[in-house]
Amino acid sequence: MAQGGKRKKKVETVFLVCDETGDHNYTLRRKMGGEKLKLKKYSPRLRKHTMHTEKKK
């Protein structure tokens, strides 16, 4: 029989913060390490798409 043990993957929770307002609009779970994310996402306060940068807790 195969072993039923599950391996836990190392993940971290990060926030995407709007560069213009500083609001924490999005939350992601991603693998540890790697480079900082910079994505164009929707900002509800400004009602338009703006650059969002990854920030840890």
PDB file of N, CA and C in Angstrom:
ATOM      1  N   MET A   1       0.830  -1.200   0.000  1.00  0.00           N
ATOM      2  CA  MET A   1       0.000   0.000   0.000  1.00  0.00           C
ATOM      3  C   MET A   1       0.871   1.260   0.000  1.00  0.00           C
ATOM      4  N   ALA A   2       0.359   2.286  -0.629  1.00  0.00           N
ATOM      5  CA  ALA A   2       1.096   3.549  -0.667  1.00  0.00           C
ATOM      6  C   ALA A   2       0.914   4.279   0.664  1.00  0.00           C
ATOM      7  N   GLN A   3       1.912   5.063   1.009  1.00  0.00           N
ATOM      8  CA  GLN A   3       1.823   5.828   2.255  1.00  0.00           C
ATOM      9  C   GLN A   3       0.834   6.971   2.076  1.00  0.00           C
ATOM     10  N   GLY A   4       0.031   7.189   3.097  1.00  0.00           N
ATOM     11  CA  GLY A   4      -1.008   8.220   3.007  1.00  0.00           C
ATOM     12  C   GLY A   4      -0.601   9.547   3.599  1.00  0.00           C
ATOM     13  N   GLY A   5       0.695   9.729   3.928  1.00  0.00           N
ATOM     14  CA  GLY A   5       1.134  10.979   4.539  1.00  0.00           C
ATOM     15  C   GLY A   5       1.128  12.135   3.545  1.00  0.00           C
ATOM     16  N   LYS A   6       0.557  13.247   3.970  1.00  0.00           N
ATOM     17  CA  LYS A   6       0.527  14.428   3.096  1.00  0.00           C
ATOM     18  C   LYS A   6       1.683  15.340   3.465  1.00  0.00           C
ATOM     19  N   ARG A   7       2.313  15.892   2.460  1.00  0.00           N
ATOM     20  CA  ARG A   7       3.388  16.857   2.721  1.00  0.00           C
ATOM     21  C   ARG A   7       2.810  18.255   2.679  1.00  0.00           C
ATOM     22  N   LYS A   8       3.183  19.057   3.645  1.00  0.00           N
ATOM     23  CA  LYS A   8       2.705  20.439   3.662  1.00  0.00           C
ATOM     24  C   LYS A   8       3.634  21.291   2.821  1.00  0.00           C
ATOM     25  N   LYS A   9       3.044  22.032   1.912  1.00  0.00           N
ATOM     26  CA  LYS A   9       3.840  22.945   1.090  1.00  0.00           C
ATOM     27  C   LYS A   9       4.003  24.253   1.840  1.00  0.00           C
ATOM     28  N   LYS A  10       5.162  24.844   1.729  1.00  0.00           N
ATOM     29  CA  LYS A  10       5.426  26.107   2.412  1.00  0.00           C
ATOM     30  C   LYS A  10       4.749  27.235   1.634  1.00  0.00           C
ATOM     31  N   VAL A  11       3.755  27.838   2.250  1.00  0.00           N
ATOM     32  CA  VAL A  11       3.065  28.964   1.628  1.00  0.00           C
ATOM     33  C   VAL A  11       3.049  30.125   2.611  1.00  0.00           C
ATOM     34  N   GLU A  12       2.914  31.311   2.069  1.00  0.00           N
ATOM     35  CA  GLU A  12       2.818  32.501   2.906  1.00  0.00           C
ATOM     36  C   GLU A  12       1.622  33.312   2.432  1.00  0.00           C
ATOM     37  N   THR A  13       1.029  34.064   3.339  1.00  0.00           N
ATOM     38  CA  THR A  13      -0.085  34.938   3.006  1.00  0.00           C
ATOM     39  C   THR A  13       0.469  36.348   2.813  1.00  0.00           C
ATOM     40  N   VAL A  14       0.174  36.945   1.668  1.00  0.00           N
ATOM     41  CA  VAL A  14       0.647  38.302   1.381  1.00  0.00           C
ATOM     42  C   VAL A  14      -0.541  39.165   0.969  1.00  0.00           C
ATOM     43  N   PHE A  15      -0.385  40.448   1.136  1.00  0.00           N
ATOM     44  CA  PHE A  15      -1.407  41.410   0.738  1.00  0.00           C
ATOM     45  C   PHE A  15      -0.947  42.145  -0.506  1.00  0.00           C
ATOM     46  N   LEU A  16      -1.912  42.538  -1.340  1.00  0.00           N
ATOM     47  CA  LEU A  16      -1.606  43.436  -2.446  1.00  0.00           C
ATOM     48  C   LEU A  16      -2.120  44.809  -2.032  1.00  0.00           C
ATOM     49  N   VAL A  17      -1.195  45.759  -1.965  1.00  0.00           N
ATOM     50  CA  VAL A  17      -1.499  47.097  -1.459  1.00  0.00           C
ATOM     51  C   VAL A  17      -1.484  48.082  -2.621  1.00  0.00           C
ATOM     52  N   CYS A  18      -2.521  48.899  -2.698  1.00  0.00           N
ATOM     53  CA  CYS A  18      -2.621  49.911  -3.755  1.00  0.00           C
ATOM     54  C   CYS A  18      -1.518  50.949  -3.567  1.00  0.00           C
ATOM     55  N   ASP A  19      -0.785  51.251  -4.654  1.00  0.00           N
ATOM     56  CA  ASP A  19       0.297  52.227  -4.582  1.00  0.00           C
ATOM     57  C   ASP A  19      -0.224  53.645  -4.360  1.00  0.00           C
ATOM     58  N   GLU A  20      -1.439  53.946  -4.832  1.00  0.00           N
ATOM     59  CA  GLU A  20      -1.961  55.312  -4.740  1.00  0.00           C
ATOM     60  C   GLU A  20      -2.679  55.593  -3.421  1.00  0.00           C
ATOM     61  N   THR A  21      -3.463  54.635  -2.913  1.00  0.00           N
ATOM     62  CA  THR A  21      -4.231  54.888  -1.687  1.00  0.00           C
ATOM     63  C   THR A  21      -3.643  54.206  -0.461  1.00  0.00           C
ATOM     64  N   GLY A  22      -2.851  53.146  -0.640  1.00  0.00           N
ATOM     65  CA  GLY A  22      -2.296  52.410   0.485  1.00  0.00           C
ATOM     66  C   GLY A  22      -3.266  51.401   1.069  1.00  0.00           C
ATOM     67  N   ASP A  23      -4.394  51.164   0.381  1.00  0.00           N
ATOM     68  CA  ASP A  23      -5.391  50.200   0.859  1.00  0.00           C
ATOM     69  C   ASP A  23      -4.936  48.769   0.599  1.00  0.00           C
ATOM     70  N   HIS A  24      -5.255  47.860   1.533  1.00  0.00           N
ATOM     71  CA  HIS A  24      -5.013  46.426   1.355  1.00  0.00           C
ATOM     72  C   HIS A  24      -6.256  45.863   0.664  1.00  0.00           C
ATOM     73  N   ASN A  25      -6.230  45.759  -0.663  1.00  0.00           N
ATOM     74  CA  ASN A  25      -7.418  45.339  -1.403  1.00  0.00           C
ATOM     75  C   ASN A  25      -7.485  43.846  -1.672  1.00  0.00           C
ATOM     76  N   TYR A  26      -6.363  43.176  -1.747  1.00  0.00           N
ATOM     77  CA  TYR A  26      -6.349  41.762  -2.115  1.00  0.00           C
ATOM     78  C   TYR A  26      -5.430  40.965  -1.194  1.00  0.00           C
ATOM     79  N   THR A  27      -5.755  39.683  -1.005  1.00  0.00           N
ATOM     80  CA  THR A  27      -4.947  38.768  -0.212  1.00  0.00           C
ATOM     81  C   THR A  27      -4.628  37.556  -1.068  1.00  0.00           C
ATOM     82  N   LEU A  28      -3.379  37.095  -1.016  1.00  0.00           N
ATOM     83  CA  LEU A  28      -2.959  35.921  -1.781  1.00  0.00           C
ATOM     84  C   LEU A  28      -2.238  34.942  -0.882  1.00  0.00           C
ATOM     85  N   ARG A  29      -2.307  33.670  -1.221  1.00  0.00           N
ATOM     86  CA  ARG A  29      -1.465  32.647  -0.598  1.00  0.00           C
ATOM     87  C   ARG A  29      -0.530  32.173  -1.684  1.00  0.00           C
ATOM     88  N   ARG A  30       0.777  32.332  -1.467  1.00  0.00           N
ATOM     89  CA  ARG A  30       1.744  31.933  -2.494  1.00  0.00           C
ATOM     90  C   ARG A  30       2.935  31.240  -1.865  1.00  0.00           C
ATOM     91  N   LYS A  31       3.736  30.598  -2.718  1.00  0.00           N
ATOM     92  CA  LYS A  31       4.911  29.881  -2.242  1.00  0.00           C
ATOM     93  C   LYS A  31       5.914  30.860  -1.646  1.00  0.00           C
ATOM     94  N   MET A  32       6.692  30.346  -0.705  1.00  0.00           N
ATOM     95  CA  MET A  32       7.712  31.165  -0.051  1.00  0.00           C
ATOM     96  C   MET A  32       8.761  31.591  -1.077  1.00  0.00           C
ATOM     97  N   GLY A  33       9.367  32.741  -0.852  1.00  0.00           N
ATOM     98  CA  GLY A  33      10.440  33.219  -1.719  1.00  0.00           C
ATOM     99  C   GLY A  33       9.885  33.829  -2.993  1.00  0.00           C
ATOM    100  N   GLY A  34      10.760  33.956  -3.974  1.00  0.00           N
ATOM    101  CA  GLY A  34      10.352  34.589  -5.222  1.00  0.00           C
ATOM    102  C   GLY A  34      10.444  36.099  -5.107  1.00  0.00           C
ATOM    103  N   GLU A  35      10.189  36.753  -6.221  1.00  0.00           N
ATOM    104  CA  GLU A  35      10.300  38.207  -6.200  1.00  0.00           C
ATOM    105  C   GLU A  35       8.956  38.852  -5.874  1.00  0.00           C
ATOM    106  N   LYS A  36       9.000  40.126  -5.484  1.00  0.00           N
ATOM    107  CA  LYS A  36       7.792  40.854  -5.115  1.00  0.00           C
ATOM    108  C   LYS A  36       6.868  40.990  -6.322  1.00  0.00           C
ATOM    109  N   LEU A  37       5.588  40.794  -6.075  1.00  0.00           N
ATOM    110  CA  LEU A  37       4.598  40.947  -7.143  1.00  0.00           C
ATOM    111  C   LEU A  37       4.257  42.413  -7.322  1.00  0.00           C
ATOM    112  N   LYS A  38       4.074  42.808  -8.566  1.00  0.00           N
ATOM    113  CA  LYS A  38       3.546  44.130  -8.902  1.00  0.00           C
ATOM    114  C   LYS A  38       2.505  43.890  -9.984  1.00  0.00           C
ATOM    115  N   LEU A  39       1.247  44.080  -9.630  1.00  0.00           N
ATOM    116  CA  LEU A  39       0.166  43.784 -10.561  1.00  0.00           C
ATOM    117  C   LEU A  39      -0.756  44.986 -10.698  1.00  0.00           C
ATOM    118  N   LYS A  40      -1.406  45.065 -11.841  1.00  0.00           N
ATOM    119  CA  LYS A  40      -2.406  46.101 -12.041  1.00  0.00           C
ATOM    120  C   LYS A  40      -3.756  45.503 -11.659  1.00  0.00           C
ATOM    121  N   LYS A  41      -4.337  45.993 -10.551  1.00  0.00           N
ATOM    122  CA  LYS A  41      -5.593  45.465 -10.037  1.00  0.00           C
ATOM    123  C   LYS A  41      -6.579  46.609  -9.819  1.00  0.00           C
ATOM    124  N   TYR A  42      -7.849  46.249  -9.642  1.00  0.00           N
ATOM    125  CA  TYR A  42      -8.901  47.234  -9.453  1.00  0.00           C
ATOM    126  C   TYR A  42      -8.894  47.783  -8.030  1.00  0.00           C
ATOM    127  N   SER A  43      -8.942  49.096  -7.904  1.00  0.00           N
ATOM    128  CA  SER A  43      -9.019  49.756  -6.602  1.00  0.00           C
ATOM    129  C   SER A  43     -10.442  50.283  -6.416  1.00  0.00           C
ATOM    130  N   PRO A  44     -11.206  49.695  -5.469  1.00  0.00           N
ATOM    131  CA  PRO A  44     -12.599  50.129  -5.297  1.00  0.00           C
ATOM    132  C   PRO A  44     -12.744  51.599  -4.885  1.00  0.00           C
ATOM    133  N   ARG A  45     -11.800  52.105  -4.093  1.00  0.00           N
ATOM    134  CA  ARG A  45     -11.909  53.487  -3.631  1.00  0.00           C
ATOM    135  C   ARG A  45     -11.777  54.472  -4.796  1.00  0.00           C
ATOM    136  N   LEU A  46     -10.818  54.210  -5.698  1.00  0.00           N
ATOM    137  CA  LEU A  46     -10.608  55.105  -6.838  1.00  0.00           C
ATOM    138  C   LEU A  46     -11.484  54.727  -8.031  1.00  0.00           C
ATOM    139  N   ARG A  47     -12.077  53.537  -7.979  1.00  0.00           N
ATOM    140  CA  ARG A  47     -12.908  53.003  -9.051  1.00  0.00           C
ATOM    141  C   ARG A  47     -12.174  52.942 -10.385  1.00  0.00           C
ATOM    142  N   LYS A  48     -10.911  52.513 -10.330  1.00  0.00           N
ATOM    143  CA  LYS A  48     -10.127  52.304 -11.549  1.00  0.00           C
ATOM    144  C   LYS A  48      -9.000  51.323 -11.245  1.00  0.00           C
ATOM    145  N   HIS A  49      -8.320  50.855 -12.281  1.00  0.00           N
ATOM    146  CA  HIS A  49      -7.202  49.932 -12.103  1.00  0.00           C
ATOM    147  C   HIS A  49      -5.932  50.727 -11.779  1.00  0.00           C
ATOM    148  N   THR A  50      -5.214  50.279 -10.748  1.00  0.00           N
ATOM    149  CA  THR A  50      -3.965  50.920 -10.337  1.00  0.00           C
ATOM    150  C   THR A  50      -2.931  49.839 -10.059  1.00  0.00           C
ATOM    151  N   MET A  51      -1.678  50.242  -9.912  1.00  0.00           N
ATOM    152  CA  MET A  51      -0.620  49.289  -9.582  1.00  0.00           C
ATOM    153  C   MET A  51      -0.749  48.888  -8.117  1.00  0.00           C
ATOM    154  N   HIS A  52      -0.620  47.598  -7.856  1.00  0.00           N
ATOM    155  CA  HIS A  52      -0.647  47.046  -6.501  1.00  0.00           C
ATOM    156  C   HIS A  52       0.663  46.306  -6.269  1.00  0.00           C
ATOM    157  N   THR A  53       1.247  46.498  -5.093  1.00  0.00           N
ATOM    158  CA  THR A  53       2.523  45.879  -4.749  1.00  0.00           C
ATOM    159  C   THR A  53       2.315  44.904  -3.596  1.00  0.00           C
ATOM    160  N   GLU A  54       3.075  43.823  -3.634  1.00  0.00           N
ATOM    161  CA  GLU A  54       2.992  42.805  -2.571  1.00  0.00           C
ATOM    162  C   GLU A  54       3.573  43.338  -1.273  1.00  0.00           C
ATOM    163  N   LYS A  55       2.896  43.051  -0.173  1.00  0.00           N
ATOM    164  CA  LYS A  55       3.394  43.406   1.147  1.00  0.00           C
ATOM    165  C   LYS A  55       3.074  42.271   2.094  1.00  0.00           C
ATOM    166  N   LYS A  56       4.046  41.888   2.932  1.00  0.00           N
ATOM    167  CA  LYS A  56       3.819  40.804   3.876  1.00  0.00           C
ATOM    168  C   LYS A  56       3.078  41.341   5.084  1.00  0.00           C
ATOM    169  N   LYS A  57       2.553  40.453   5.923  1.00  0.00           N
ATOM    170  CA  LYS A  57       1.779  40.837   7.110  1.00  0.00           C
ATOM    171  C   LYS A  57       2.458  41.865   7.959  1.00  0.00           C
TER     172      LYS A  57
END
